[in-house]
Amino acid sequence: MKHNPFTLAKCTRLFFTVALATGFTGGVVPIGMAHAGSLSPVIDQSLTSPNNLGADINECCKFVAQTFTAGLTGVLAGINIDVSSFINSPFPLHVAIRTVTESGEPSPTILGESTLNSSSAPLSLFITFPQPIHITAGVKYAIVVNYEGAPPVGPGQFQGIWSGAAGDFYPAGNMYASFSDGISWLDFADGDLHFQTYLMPVVKSLIDIKPGDFSNHINVKSNGRIPVAILTTGAADNTATFNAATVDPATVRFGLTGTEATPVHIALEDVDGDGDVDLILHFNTQEIGVKCGEASATLTAKTFEGKTVQGTDSIKTLGCSK
């Protein structure tokens, strides 16, 4: 395999073309990722070929990244990347999922991260993250890698290579490189790096904040509780069938983003009078994170078989001084 170096400012050996693609295309089904009810992650975004480009990690730049735009909404189950360390670097590979800036480059905000017990991460390796990473369709994110504990970047400090494709084979993202700080980035729009993202799709549920109160007023100064119902739905409602009794109450969160408050009271009852059983939950108002002027609140949860559930309802805030 011959290096064909590109020269760019201080980067004297960042990207190189491969004389002949190996044909390794990945597409591996994650092992051990099956959930109860035969629920399994689905591939959302993917680029695994051709293989005629690579990014040298720690030779020019400490951090290398590939951005992607989510096609589905859900919780990130894991990713594949295509990083090889043919020198068997003693330093472990660190992989992070970040948000991106308005200009589309990786931001300093890390949504989740994992340090591998290896310096390589082939496409056959399913990388998971200890943090729950919520992904929204149409939003761009970044996969960022570096070698933890590696010496300062420079000639002869190569630790590994992230393989990819020359040309714009993935228009919904770009590859990037950062010399040392992971904050300032170079954008390489003429290539993309191999990756795949897997999501646990979200089941959209119908929720009703303060059932019976169509205005859904929330007094942000109140020390009381707010009732929220997760409704059982079906064909009669012209909505997708969903049984609220399948929601695991221990996983429920409610608030501005759906990550804030846990319920302080839970009951199964027919909230909307349609003859089926709904789940009604109460939350402390001061724990939901809603401030004056907010227009909606979100509930997230998981079913007992591991499916992610999400619902949003409109609100109007009270108790706001002018």
C-alpha atoms as a PDB file:
ATOM      1  CA  MET A   1       0.000   0.000   0.000  1.00  0.00           C
ATOM      2  CA  LYS A   2       1.657   3.242  -1.117  1.00  0.00           C
ATOM      3  CA  HIS A   3       1.164   6.639   0.449  1.00  0.00           C
ATOM      4  CA  ASN A   4       0.401   9.476  -1.927  1.00  0.00           C
ATOM      5  CA  PRO A   5       0.631  12.452   0.423  1.00  0.00           C
ATOM      6  CA  PHE A   6      -1.298  15.675   0.091  1.00  0.00           C
ATOM      7  CA  THR A   7       0.268  18.894   1.394  1.00  0.00           C
ATOM      8  CA  LEU A   8      -1.912  21.385   3.228  1.00  0.00           C
ATOM      9  CA  ALA A   9      -0.425  24.050   5.527  1.00  0.00           C
ATOM     10  CA  LYS A  10       1.168  22.170   8.450  1.00  0.00           C
ATOM     11  CA  CYS A  11      -0.431  18.891   7.396  1.00  0.00           C
ATOM     12  CA  THR A  12       2.188  17.040   5.408  1.00  0.00           C
ATOM     13  CA  ARG A  13       0.662  13.591   5.544  1.00  0.00           C
ATOM     14  CA  LEU A  14      -2.978  13.693   6.495  1.00  0.00           C
ATOM     15  CA  PHE A  15      -4.803  11.948   3.682  1.00  0.00           C
ATOM     16  CA  PHE A  16      -3.613   9.358   1.232  1.00  0.00           C
ATOM     17  CA  THR A  17      -5.159   7.333  -1.567  1.00  0.00           C
ATOM     18  CA  VAL A  18      -5.015   3.552  -1.628  1.00  0.00           C
ATOM     19  CA  ALA A  19      -3.656   1.891  -4.725  1.00  0.00           C
ATOM     20  CA  LEU A  20      -6.529  -0.623  -4.863  1.00  0.00           C
ATOM     21  CA  ALA A  21      -9.705  -0.857  -2.828  1.00  0.00           C
ATOM     22  CA  THR A  22      -9.854  -3.934  -0.626  1.00  0.00           C
ATOM     23  CA  GLY A  23     -13.577  -4.428  -1.152  1.00  0.00           C
ATOM     24  CA  PHE A  24     -14.324  -4.608   2.581  1.00  0.00           C
ATOM     25  CA  THR A  25     -17.768  -3.122   2.884  1.00  0.00           C
ATOM     26  CA  GLY A  26     -18.851  -3.839   6.446  1.00  0.00           C
ATOM     27  CA  GLY A  27     -22.580  -3.949   6.936  1.00  0.00           C
ATOM     28  CA  VAL A  28     -22.134  -6.245   9.934  1.00  0.00           C
ATOM     29  CA  VAL A  29     -25.197  -7.016  12.032  1.00  0.00           C
ATOM     30  CA  PRO A  30     -24.283  -6.159  15.644  1.00  0.00           C
ATOM     31  CA  ILE A  31     -23.617  -9.252  17.741  1.00  0.00           C
ATOM     32  CA  GLY A  32     -25.324  -9.435  21.091  1.00  0.00           C
ATOM     33  CA  MET A  33     -27.501  -6.401  20.447  1.00  0.00           C
ATOM     34  CA  ALA A  34     -30.843  -8.221  20.363  1.00  0.00           C
ATOM     35  CA  HIS A  35     -33.374  -7.000  22.896  1.00  0.00           C
ATOM     36  CA  ALA A  36     -36.423  -8.553  24.440  1.00  0.00           C
ATOM     37  CA  GLY A  37     -39.189  -8.959  21.897  1.00  0.00           C
ATOM     38  CA  SER A  38     -36.588  -9.456  19.139  1.00  0.00           C
ATOM     39  CA  LEU A  39     -36.081  -5.711  18.999  1.00  0.00           C
ATOM     40  CA  SER A  40     -32.822  -4.800  17.314  1.00  0.00           C
ATOM     41  CA  PRO A  41     -31.121  -1.614  16.080  1.00  0.00           C
ATOM     42  CA  VAL A  42     -31.530  -0.451  12.503  1.00  0.00           C
ATOM     43  CA  ILE A  43     -28.865   1.108  10.297  1.00  0.00           C
ATOM     44  CA  ASP A  44     -29.592   4.782   9.754  1.00  0.00           C
ATOM     45  CA  GLN A  45     -26.570   6.352   7.995  1.00  0.00           C
ATOM     46  CA  SER A  46     -23.879   4.398   6.175  1.00  0.00           C
ATOM     47  CA  LEU A  47     -20.786   4.795   3.996  1.00  0.00           C
ATOM     48  CA  THR A  48     -18.577   1.713   3.657  1.00  0.00           C
ATOM     49  CA  SER A  49     -17.186   1.969   0.121  1.00  0.00           C
ATOM     50  CA  PRO A  50     -15.242   2.684  -2.009  1.00  0.00           C
ATOM     51  CA  ASN A  51     -11.999   2.364  -0.087  1.00  0.00           C
ATOM     52  CA  ASN A  52      -9.525   4.737  -1.735  1.00  0.00           C
ATOM     53  CA  LEU A  53      -8.831   7.393   0.891  1.00  0.00           C
ATOM     54  CA  GLY A  54      -7.612   7.552   4.468  1.00  0.00           C
ATOM     55  CA  ALA A  55      -6.945   9.980   7.288  1.00  0.00           C
ATOM     56  CA  ASP A  56      -3.734   9.495   9.276  1.00  0.00           C
ATOM     57  CA  ILE A  57      -4.409  10.007  12.978  1.00  0.00           C
ATOM     58  CA  ASN A  58      -1.757  11.779  15.106  1.00  0.00           C
ATOM     59  CA  GLU A  59       0.642  12.362  12.191  1.00  0.00           C
ATOM     60  CA  CYS A  60      -0.653  15.782  11.272  1.00  0.00           C
ATOM     61  CA  CYS A  61      -3.696  16.095  13.411  1.00  0.00           C
ATOM     62  CA  LYS A  62      -4.703  14.769  16.785  1.00  0.00           C
ATOM     63  CA  PHE A  63      -8.434  14.598  16.031  1.00  0.00           C
ATOM     64  CA  VAL A  64     -10.135  13.255  12.897  1.00  0.00           C
ATOM     65  CA  ALA A  65     -13.897  13.440  12.378  1.00  0.00           C
ATOM     66  CA  GLN A  66     -16.748  12.557  10.051  1.00  0.00           C
ATOM     67  CA  THR A  67     -20.063  14.377  10.275  1.00  0.00           C
ATOM     68  CA  PHE A  68     -23.400  12.801   9.411  1.00  0.00           C
ATOM     69  CA  THR A  69     -27.028  13.863   9.186  1.00  0.00           C
ATOM     70  CA  ALA A  70     -29.506  11.599  10.963  1.00  0.00           C
ATOM     71  CA  GLY A  71     -32.320  10.191   8.857  1.00  0.00           C
ATOM     72  CA  LEU A  72     -34.270   8.771  11.803  1.00  0.00           C
ATOM     73  CA  THR A  73     -35.164   9.905  15.282  1.00  0.00           C
ATOM     74  CA  GLY A  74     -34.218   7.607  18.119  1.00  0.00           C
ATOM     75  CA  VAL A  75     -31.532   6.602  20.578  1.00  0.00           C
ATOM     76  CA  LEU A  76     -28.114   5.841  19.126  1.00  0.00           C
ATOM     77  CA  ALA A  77     -27.486   2.139  19.703  1.00  0.00           C
ATOM     78  CA  GLY A  78     -23.916   2.232  18.372  1.00  0.00           C
ATOM     79  CA  ILE A  79     -21.667   2.886  15.397  1.00  0.00           C
ATOM     80  CA  ASN A  80     -19.095   1.261  13.129  1.00  0.00           C
ATOM     81  CA  ILE A  81     -15.991   3.066  11.913  1.00  0.00           C
ATOM     82  CA  ASP A  82     -13.026   1.851   9.856  1.00  0.00           C
ATOM     83  CA  VAL A  83      -9.833   2.609  11.785  1.00  0.00           C
ATOM     84  CA  SER A  84      -6.723   0.443  11.517  1.00  0.00           C
ATOM     85  CA  SER A  85      -3.429   0.648  13.405  1.00  0.00           C
ATOM     86  CA  PHE A  86      -1.040  -1.522  11.412  1.00  0.00           C
ATOM     87  CA  ILE A  87       1.762  -0.445  13.781  1.00  0.00           C
ATOM     88  CA  ASN A  88      -0.254  -1.862  16.718  1.00  0.00           C
ATOM     89  CA  SER A  89      -0.230   1.414  18.590  1.00  0.00           C
ATOM     90  CA  PRO A  90      -0.111   0.986  22.377  1.00  0.00           C
ATOM     91  CA  PHE A  91      -2.554   3.867  22.771  1.00  0.00           C
ATOM     92  CA  PRO A  92      -6.315   3.150  22.914  1.00  0.00           C
ATOM     93  CA  LEU A  93      -8.677   4.694  20.400  1.00  0.00           C
ATOM     94  CA  HIS A  94     -11.121   7.224  21.825  1.00  0.00           C
ATOM     95  CA  VAL A  95     -14.434   7.674  19.990  1.00  0.00           C
ATOM     96  CA  ALA A  96     -16.940  10.454  20.678  1.00  0.00           C
ATOM     97  CA  ILE A  97     -20.254  11.683  19.300  1.00  0.00           C
ATOM     98  CA  ARG A  98     -20.454  15.467  19.235  1.00  0.00           C
ATOM     99  CA  THR A  99     -22.902  18.102  18.152  1.00  0.00           C
ATOM    100  CA  VAL A 100     -21.865  20.422  15.318  1.00  0.00           C
ATOM    101  CA  THR A 101     -21.590  24.181  15.032  1.00  0.00           C
ATOM    102  CA  GLU A 102     -23.751  26.374  12.817  1.00  0.00           C
ATOM    103  CA  SER A 103     -21.095  26.067  10.132  1.00  0.00           C
ATOM    104  CA  GLY A 104     -21.305  22.260  10.297  1.00  0.00           C
ATOM    105  CA  GLU A 105     -17.964  21.414  11.934  1.00  0.00           C
ATOM    106  CA  PRO A 106     -17.657  19.370  15.148  1.00  0.00           C
ATOM    107  CA  SER A 107     -18.407  21.394  18.279  1.00  0.00           C
ATOM    108  CA  PRO A 108     -16.779  20.917  21.709  1.00  0.00           C
ATOM    109  CA  THR A 109     -20.068  19.456  23.048  1.00  0.00           C
ATOM    110  CA  ILE A 110     -19.756  15.702  23.574  1.00  0.00           C
ATOM    111  CA  LEU A 111     -23.008  13.724  23.660  1.00  0.00           C
ATOM    112  CA  GLY A 112     -21.317  10.421  24.390  1.00  0.00           C
ATOM    113  CA  GLU A 113     -17.843   8.896  24.345  1.00  0.00           C
ATOM    114  CA  SER A 114     -16.087   5.568  24.658  1.00  0.00           C
ATOM    115  CA  THR A 115     -12.461   4.524  24.948  1.00  0.00           C
ATOM    116  CA  LEU A 116     -11.799   1.174  23.267  1.00  0.00           C
ATOM    117  CA  ASN A 117      -9.456  -1.499  24.551  1.00  0.00           C
ATOM    118  CA  SER A 118      -7.781  -1.508  21.153  1.00  0.00           C
ATOM    119  CA  SER A 119      -6.029   0.868  18.780  1.00  0.00           C
ATOM    120  CA  SER A 120      -8.105  -0.386  15.837  1.00  0.00           C
ATOM    121  CA  ALA A 121     -11.831  -0.328  15.112  1.00  0.00           C
ATOM    122  CA  PRO A 122     -12.740  -2.239  11.934  1.00  0.00           C
ATOM    123  CA  LEU A 123     -16.185  -1.987  10.386  1.00  0.00           C
ATOM    124  CA  SER A 124     -17.011  -5.325  12.004  1.00  0.00           C
ATOM    125  CA  LEU A 125     -16.674  -3.801  15.489  1.00  0.00           C
ATOM    126  CA  PHE A 126     -19.873  -2.456  17.031  1.00  0.00           C
ATOM    127  CA  ILE A 127     -19.009   0.536  19.238  1.00  0.00           C
ATOM    128  CA  THR A 128     -21.457   1.455  21.973  1.00  0.00           C
ATOM    129  CA  PHE A 129     -21.578   4.374  24.385  1.00  0.00           C
ATOM    130  CA  PRO A 130     -22.428   4.348  28.101  1.00  0.00           C
ATOM    131  CA  GLN A 131     -24.418   7.561  27.746  1.00  0.00           C
ATOM    132  CA  PRO A 132     -27.887   7.565  26.108  1.00  0.00           C
ATOM    133  CA  ILE A 133     -27.483   9.635  22.929  1.00  0.00           C
ATOM    134  CA  HIS A 134     -30.753  10.947  21.523  1.00  0.00           C
ATOM    135  CA  ILE A 135     -30.594  11.494  17.766  1.00  0.00           C
ATOM    136  CA  THR A 136     -33.075  13.644  15.833  1.00  0.00           C
ATOM    137  CA  ALA A 137     -33.848  13.203  12.139  1.00  0.00           C
ATOM    138  CA  GLY A 138     -32.449  16.003   9.990  1.00  0.00           C
ATOM    139  CA  VAL A 139     -29.880  17.089  12.585  1.00  0.00           C
ATOM    140  CA  LYS A 140     -26.153  16.830  11.926  1.00  0.00           C
ATOM    141  CA  TYR A 141     -23.698  15.170  14.340  1.00  0.00           C
ATOM    142  CA  ALA A 142     -19.990  14.314  14.329  1.00  0.00           C
ATOM    143  CA  ILE A 143     -18.007  11.140  15.020  1.00  0.00           C
ATOM    144  CA  VAL A 144     -14.635  12.238  16.420  1.00  0.00           C
ATOM    145  CA  VAL A 145     -11.648   9.981  17.099  1.00  0.00           C
ATOM    146  CA  ASN A 146      -8.211  10.380  18.679  1.00  0.00           C
ATOM    147  CA  TYR A 147      -5.651   8.235  20.486  1.00  0.00           C
ATOM    148  CA  GLU A 148      -5.682   8.719  24.251  1.00  0.00           C
ATOM    149  CA  GLY A 149      -2.245   9.342  25.734  1.00  0.00           C
ATOM    150  CA  ALA A 150      -0.513   9.518  22.347  1.00  0.00           C
ATOM    151  CA  PRO A 151       2.531  11.808  22.022  1.00  0.00           C
ATOM    152  CA  PRO A 152       2.144  15.265  20.484  1.00  0.00           C
ATOM    153  CA  VAL A 153       1.320  15.180  16.790  1.00  0.00           C
ATOM    154  CA  GLY A 154       4.085  15.472  14.253  1.00  0.00           C
ATOM    155  CA  PRO A 155       6.153  13.563  11.702  1.00  0.00           C
ATOM    156  CA  GLY A 156       6.672   9.971  12.759  1.00  0.00           C
ATOM    157  CA  GLN A 157       3.857  10.035  15.350  1.00  0.00           C
ATOM    158  CA  PHE A 158       1.366   8.134  13.180  1.00  0.00           C
ATOM    159  CA  GLN A 159      -0.871   5.851  15.274  1.00  0.00           C
ATOM    160  CA  GLY A 160      -3.649   4.735  12.936  1.00  0.00           C
ATOM    161  CA  ILE A 161      -5.663   5.453   9.816  1.00  0.00           C
ATOM    162  CA  TRP A 162      -9.391   5.971   9.285  1.00  0.00           C
ATOM    163  CA  SER A 163     -10.233   4.646   5.810  1.00  0.00           C
ATOM    164  CA  GLY A 164     -12.723   6.318   3.528  1.00  0.00           C
ATOM    165  CA  ALA A 165     -13.755   7.332   0.025  1.00  0.00           C
ATOM    166  CA  ALA A 166     -12.362  10.068  -2.196  1.00  0.00           C
ATOM    167  CA  GLY A 167     -15.106  12.238  -3.663  1.00  0.00           C
ATOM    168  CA  ASP A 168     -18.468  13.261  -2.283  1.00  0.00           C
ATOM    169  CA  PHE A 169     -19.921   9.807  -1.652  1.00  0.00           C
ATOM    170  CA  TYR A 170     -21.774  11.026   1.447  1.00  0.00           C
ATOM    171  CA  PRO A 171     -23.294  14.455   0.682  1.00  0.00           C
ATOM    172  CA  ALA A 172     -24.898  14.743   4.145  1.00  0.00           C
ATOM    173  CA  GLY A 173     -21.552  15.179   5.907  1.00  0.00           C
ATOM    174  CA  ASN A 174     -17.825  15.855   5.575  1.00  0.00           C
ATOM    175  CA  MET A 175     -14.532  14.705   7.017  1.00  0.00           C
ATOM    176  CA  TYR A 176     -12.624  17.067   9.286  1.00  0.00           C
ATOM    177  CA  ALA A 177      -9.265  17.241  11.040  1.00  0.00           C
ATOM    178  CA  SER A 178      -8.071  19.251  14.040  1.00  0.00           C
ATOM    179  CA  PHE A 179      -4.358  19.819  14.672  1.00  0.00           C
ATOM    180  CA  SER A 180      -4.368  19.583  18.465  1.00  0.00           C
ATOM    181  CA  ASP A 181      -7.333  21.034  20.343  1.00  0.00           C
ATOM    182  CA  GLY A 182     -10.432  19.456  18.768  1.00  0.00           C
ATOM    183  CA  ILE A 183     -11.948  22.937  18.504  1.00  0.00           C
ATOM    184  CA  SER A 184     -10.451  24.439  15.337  1.00  0.00           C
ATOM    185  CA  TRP A 185     -11.117  22.243  12.306  1.00  0.00           C
ATOM    186  CA  LEU A 186     -10.054  21.849   8.684  1.00  0.00           C
ATOM    187  CA  ASP A 187     -12.914  20.861   6.374  1.00  0.00           C
ATOM    188  CA  PHE A 188     -12.103  18.311   3.648  1.00  0.00           C
ATOM    189  CA  ALA A 189     -15.146  18.387   1.387  1.00  0.00           C
ATOM    190  CA  ASP A 190     -13.599  16.128  -1.269  1.00  0.00           C
ATOM    191  CA  GLY A 191     -13.859  12.943   0.747  1.00  0.00           C
ATOM    192  CA  ASP A 192     -15.699  11.051   3.464  1.00  0.00           C
ATOM    193  CA  LEU A 193     -14.678   8.437   6.017  1.00  0.00           C
ATOM    194  CA  HIS A 194     -16.288   5.030   6.445  1.00  0.00           C
ATOM    195  CA  PHE A 195     -18.936   4.753   9.151  1.00  0.00           C
ATOM    196  CA  GLN A 196     -22.345   3.373  10.016  1.00  0.00           C
ATOM    197  CA  THR A 197     -24.831   4.529  12.647  1.00  0.00           C
ATOM    198  CA  TYR A 198     -27.433   2.315  14.307  1.00  0.00           C
ATOM    199  CA  LEU A 199     -30.560   3.602  16.012  1.00  0.00           C
ATOM    200  CA  MET A 200     -33.249   2.213  18.244  1.00  0.00           C
ATOM    201  CA  PRO A 201     -36.257   3.862  16.565  1.00  0.00           C
ATOM    202  CA  VAL A 202     -38.602   5.930  18.720  1.00  0.00           C
ATOM    203  CA  VAL A 203     -42.228   4.921  19.109  1.00  0.00           C
ATOM    204  CA  LYS A 204     -44.270   8.111  18.879  1.00  0.00           C
ATOM    205  CA  SER A 205     -46.892   8.130  21.631  1.00  0.00           C
ATOM    206  CA  LEU A 206     -49.857  10.399  22.208  1.00  0.00           C
ATOM    207  CA  ILE A 207     -49.560  12.303  25.482  1.00  0.00           C
ATOM    208  CA  ASP A 208     -51.951  14.744  27.139  1.00  0.00           C
ATOM    209  CA  ILE A 209     -50.553  17.297  29.561  1.00  0.00           C
ATOM    210  CA  LYS A 210     -53.142  18.188  32.216  1.00  0.00           C
ATOM    211  CA  PRO A 211     -55.980  16.044  30.786  1.00  0.00           C
ATOM    212  CA  GLY A 212     -59.213  18.009  30.594  1.00  0.00           C
ATOM    213  CA  ASP A 213     -57.390  21.363  30.396  1.00  0.00           C
ATOM    214  CA  PHE A 214     -57.048  22.178  26.705  1.00  0.00           C
ATOM    215  CA  SER A 215     -54.913  25.245  27.431  1.00  0.00           C
ATOM    216  CA  ASN A 216     -52.290  23.129  29.253  1.00  0.00           C
ATOM    217  CA  HIS A 217     -51.353  26.020  31.535  1.00  0.00           C
ATOM    218  CA  ILE A 218     -48.202  25.529  33.604  1.00  0.00           C
ATOM    219  CA  ASN A 219     -47.417  27.997  36.383  1.00  0.00           C
ATOM    220  CA  VAL A 220     -43.638  28.054  36.485  1.00  0.00           C
ATOM    221  CA  LYS A 221     -43.704  29.301  40.093  1.00  0.00           C
ATOM    222  CA  SER A 222     -45.986  26.535  41.325  1.00  0.00           C
ATOM    223  CA  ASN A 223     -44.800  24.032  43.890  1.00  0.00           C
ATOM    224  CA  GLY A 224     -47.544  21.627  42.909  1.00  0.00           C
ATOM    225  CA  ARG A 225     -47.703  18.703  40.520  1.00  0.00           C
ATOM    226  CA  ILE A 226     -48.556  18.336  36.836  1.00  0.00           C
ATOM    227  CA  PRO A 227     -50.512  15.332  35.524  1.00  0.00           C
ATOM    228  CA  VAL A 228     -49.466  13.866  32.174  1.00  0.00           C
ATOM    229  CA  ALA A 229     -51.250  10.982  30.476  1.00  0.00           C
ATOM    230  CA  ILE A 230     -49.754   8.507  28.031  1.00  0.00           C
ATOM    231  CA  LEU A 231     -52.754   7.441  25.960  1.00  0.00           C
ATOM    232  CA  THR A 232     -53.469   4.007  24.591  1.00  0.00           C
ATOM    233  CA  THR A 233     -54.317   4.455  20.922  1.00  0.00           C
ATOM    234  CA  GLY A 234     -55.572   2.343  18.053  1.00  0.00           C
ATOM    235  CA  ALA A 235     -57.416   2.314  14.761  1.00  0.00           C
ATOM    236  CA  ALA A 236     -60.393   4.129  16.260  1.00  0.00           C
ATOM    237  CA  ASP A 237     -58.145   7.112  17.002  1.00  0.00           C
ATOM    238  CA  ASN A 238     -56.684   7.182  13.473  1.00  0.00           C
ATOM    239  CA  THR A 239     -53.266   6.773  15.094  1.00  0.00           C
ATOM    240  CA  ALA A 240     -50.710   4.000  15.276  1.00  0.00           C
ATOM    241  CA  THR A 241     -51.655   1.332  17.793  1.00  0.00           C
ATOM    242  CA  PHE A 242     -49.925   1.817  21.129  1.00  0.00           C
ATOM    243  CA  ASN A 243     -50.623   0.248  24.518  1.00  0.00           C
ATOM    244  CA  ALA A 244     -49.711   2.635  27.340  1.00  0.00           C
ATOM    245  CA  ALA A 245     -49.554  -0.270  29.791  1.00  0.00           C
ATOM    246  CA  THR A 246     -46.367  -1.472  28.055  1.00  0.00           C
ATOM    247  CA  VAL A 247     -44.430   1.591  29.286  1.00  0.00           C
ATOM    248  CA  ASP A 248     -41.955   0.932  32.098  1.00  0.00           C
ATOM    249  CA  PRO A 249     -42.726   3.710  34.633  1.00  0.00           C
ATOM    250  CA  ALA A 250     -39.171   3.576  36.003  1.00  0.00           C
ATOM    251  CA  THR A 251     -37.872   4.917  32.673  1.00  0.00           C
ATOM    252  CA  VAL A 252     -40.286   7.846  32.300  1.00  0.00           C
ATOM    253  CA  ARG A 253     -38.874  11.369  32.168  1.00  0.00           C
ATOM    254  CA  PHE A 254     -40.838  14.563  31.519  1.00  0.00           C
ATOM    255  CA  GLY A 255     -39.957  18.210  30.995  1.00  0.00           C
ATOM    256  CA  LEU A 256     -38.670  20.717  28.512  1.00  0.00           C
ATOM    257  CA  THR A 257     -36.535  18.157  26.651  1.00  0.00           C
ATOM    258  CA  GLY A 258     -37.905  14.897  28.046  1.00  0.00           C
ATOM    259  CA  THR A 259     -34.901  14.244  30.279  1.00  0.00           C
ATOM    260  CA  GLU A 260     -35.818  16.151  33.434  1.00  0.00           C
ATOM    261  CA  ALA A 261     -38.376  14.934  35.997  1.00  0.00           C
ATOM    262  CA  THR A 262     -39.279  11.445  37.181  1.00  0.00           C
ATOM    263  CA  PRO A 263     -42.901  10.705  38.141  1.00  0.00           C
ATOM    264  CA  VAL A 264     -43.962  10.934  41.787  1.00  0.00           C
ATOM    265  CA  HIS A 265     -47.311   9.197  41.213  1.00  0.00           C
ATOM    266  CA  ILE A 266     -48.309   6.546  38.656  1.00  0.00           C
ATOM    267  CA  ALA A 267     -51.654   4.896  37.866  1.00  0.00           C
ATOM    268  CA  LEU A 268     -53.369   2.931  35.102  1.00  0.00           C
ATOM    269  CA  GLU A 269     -56.838   4.241  34.295  1.00  0.00           C
ATOM    270  CA  ASP A 270     -59.042   5.293  31.413  1.00  0.00           C
ATOM    271  CA  VAL A 271     -58.092   8.968  31.156  1.00  0.00           C
ATOM    272  CA  ASP A 272     -59.832   9.914  27.901  1.00  0.00           C
ATOM    273  CA  GLY A 273     -63.016   7.867  28.352  1.00  0.00           C
ATOM    274  CA  ASP A 274     -62.555   5.690  25.277  1.00  0.00           C
ATOM    275  CA  GLY A 275     -62.788   2.387  27.121  1.00  0.00           C
ATOM    276  CA  ASP A 276     -59.098   1.417  27.192  1.00  0.00           C
ATOM    277  CA  VAL A 277     -56.457   1.798  29.884  1.00  0.00           C
ATOM    278  CA  ASP A 278     -54.058   4.762  29.815  1.00  0.00           C
ATOM    279  CA  LEU A 279     -51.062   5.602  32.003  1.00  0.00           C
ATOM    280  CA  ILE A 280     -51.381   8.737  34.151  1.00  0.00           C
ATOM    281  CA  LEU A 281     -48.307  10.194  35.830  1.00  0.00           C
ATOM    282  CA  HIS A 282     -47.732  13.197  38.084  1.00  0.00           C
ATOM    283  CA  PHE A 283     -44.546  15.303  38.162  1.00  0.00           C
ATOM    284  CA  ASN A 284     -43.282  18.048  40.473  1.00  0.00           C
ATOM    285  CA  THR A 285     -43.578  21.312  38.570  1.00  0.00           C
ATOM    286  CA  GLN A 286     -40.255  22.621  39.837  1.00  0.00           C
ATOM    287  CA  GLU A 287     -38.419  19.603  38.424  1.00  0.00           C
ATOM    288  CA  ILE A 288     -39.559  19.751  34.787  1.00  0.00           C
ATOM    289  CA  GLY A 289     -37.248  22.579  33.675  1.00  0.00           C
ATOM    290  CA  VAL A 290     -39.940  24.628  31.929  1.00  0.00           C
ATOM    291  CA  LYS A 291     -39.321  28.382  31.916  1.00  0.00           C
ATOM    292  CA  CYS A 292     -41.445  31.334  30.879  1.00  0.00           C
ATOM    293  CA  GLY A 293     -42.260  31.424  27.188  1.00  0.00           C
ATOM    294  CA  GLU A 294     -41.757  27.731  26.456  1.00  0.00           C
ATOM    295  CA  ALA A 295     -44.370  26.353  24.055  1.00  0.00           C
ATOM    296  CA  SER A 296     -44.064  22.583  24.482  1.00  0.00           C
ATOM    297  CA  ALA A 297     -42.916  19.833  26.822  1.00  0.00           C
ATOM    298  CA  THR A 298     -41.785  16.287  26.061  1.00  0.00           C
ATOM    299  CA  LEU A 299     -42.083  12.884  27.708  1.00  0.00           C
ATOM    300  CA  THR A 300     -39.644  10.049  27.018  1.00  0.00           C
ATOM    301  CA  ALA A 301     -39.670   6.463  28.263  1.00  0.00           C
ATOM    302  CA  LYS A 302     -38.984   2.863  27.329  1.00  0.00           C
ATOM    303  CA  THR A 303     -41.377  -0.022  27.064  1.00  0.00           C
ATOM    304  CA  PHE A 304     -40.726  -3.170  29.054  1.00  0.00           C
ATOM    305  CA  GLU A 305     -39.210  -4.716  25.910  1.00  0.00           C
ATOM    306  CA  GLY A 306     -36.809  -1.820  25.396  1.00  0.00           C
ATOM    307  CA  LYS A 307     -38.488   0.336  22.741  1.00  0.00           C
ATOM    308  CA  THR A 308     -37.951   4.070  23.122  1.00  0.00           C
ATOM    309  CA  VAL A 309     -41.165   6.083  23.510  1.00  0.00           C
ATOM    310  CA  GLN A 310     -41.516   9.825  22.976  1.00  0.00           C
ATOM    311  CA  GLY A 311     -44.440  12.249  22.998  1.00  0.00           C
ATOM    312  CA  THR A 312     -44.791  16.034  22.936  1.00  0.00           C
ATOM    313  CA  ASP A 313     -47.683  18.345  23.808  1.00  0.00           C
ATOM    314  CA  SER A 314     -48.165  22.103  23.695  1.00  0.00           C
ATOM    315  CA  ILE A 315     -48.118  24.222  26.861  1.00  0.00           C
ATOM    316  CA  LYS A 316     -48.720  27.816  27.952  1.00  0.00           C
ATOM    317  CA  THR A 317     -46.676  29.239  30.812  1.00  0.00           C
ATOM    318  CA  LEU A 318     -48.076  31.323  33.659  1.00  0.00           C
ATOM    319  CA  GLY A 319     -46.486  33.108  36.600  1.00  0.00           C
ATOM    320  CA  CYS A 320     -44.162  35.138  34.440  1.00  0.00           C
ATOM    321  CA  SER A 321     -43.478  38.687  35.596  1.00  0.00           C
ATOM    322  CA  LYS A 322     -43.232  41.293  32.877  1.00  0.00           C
END
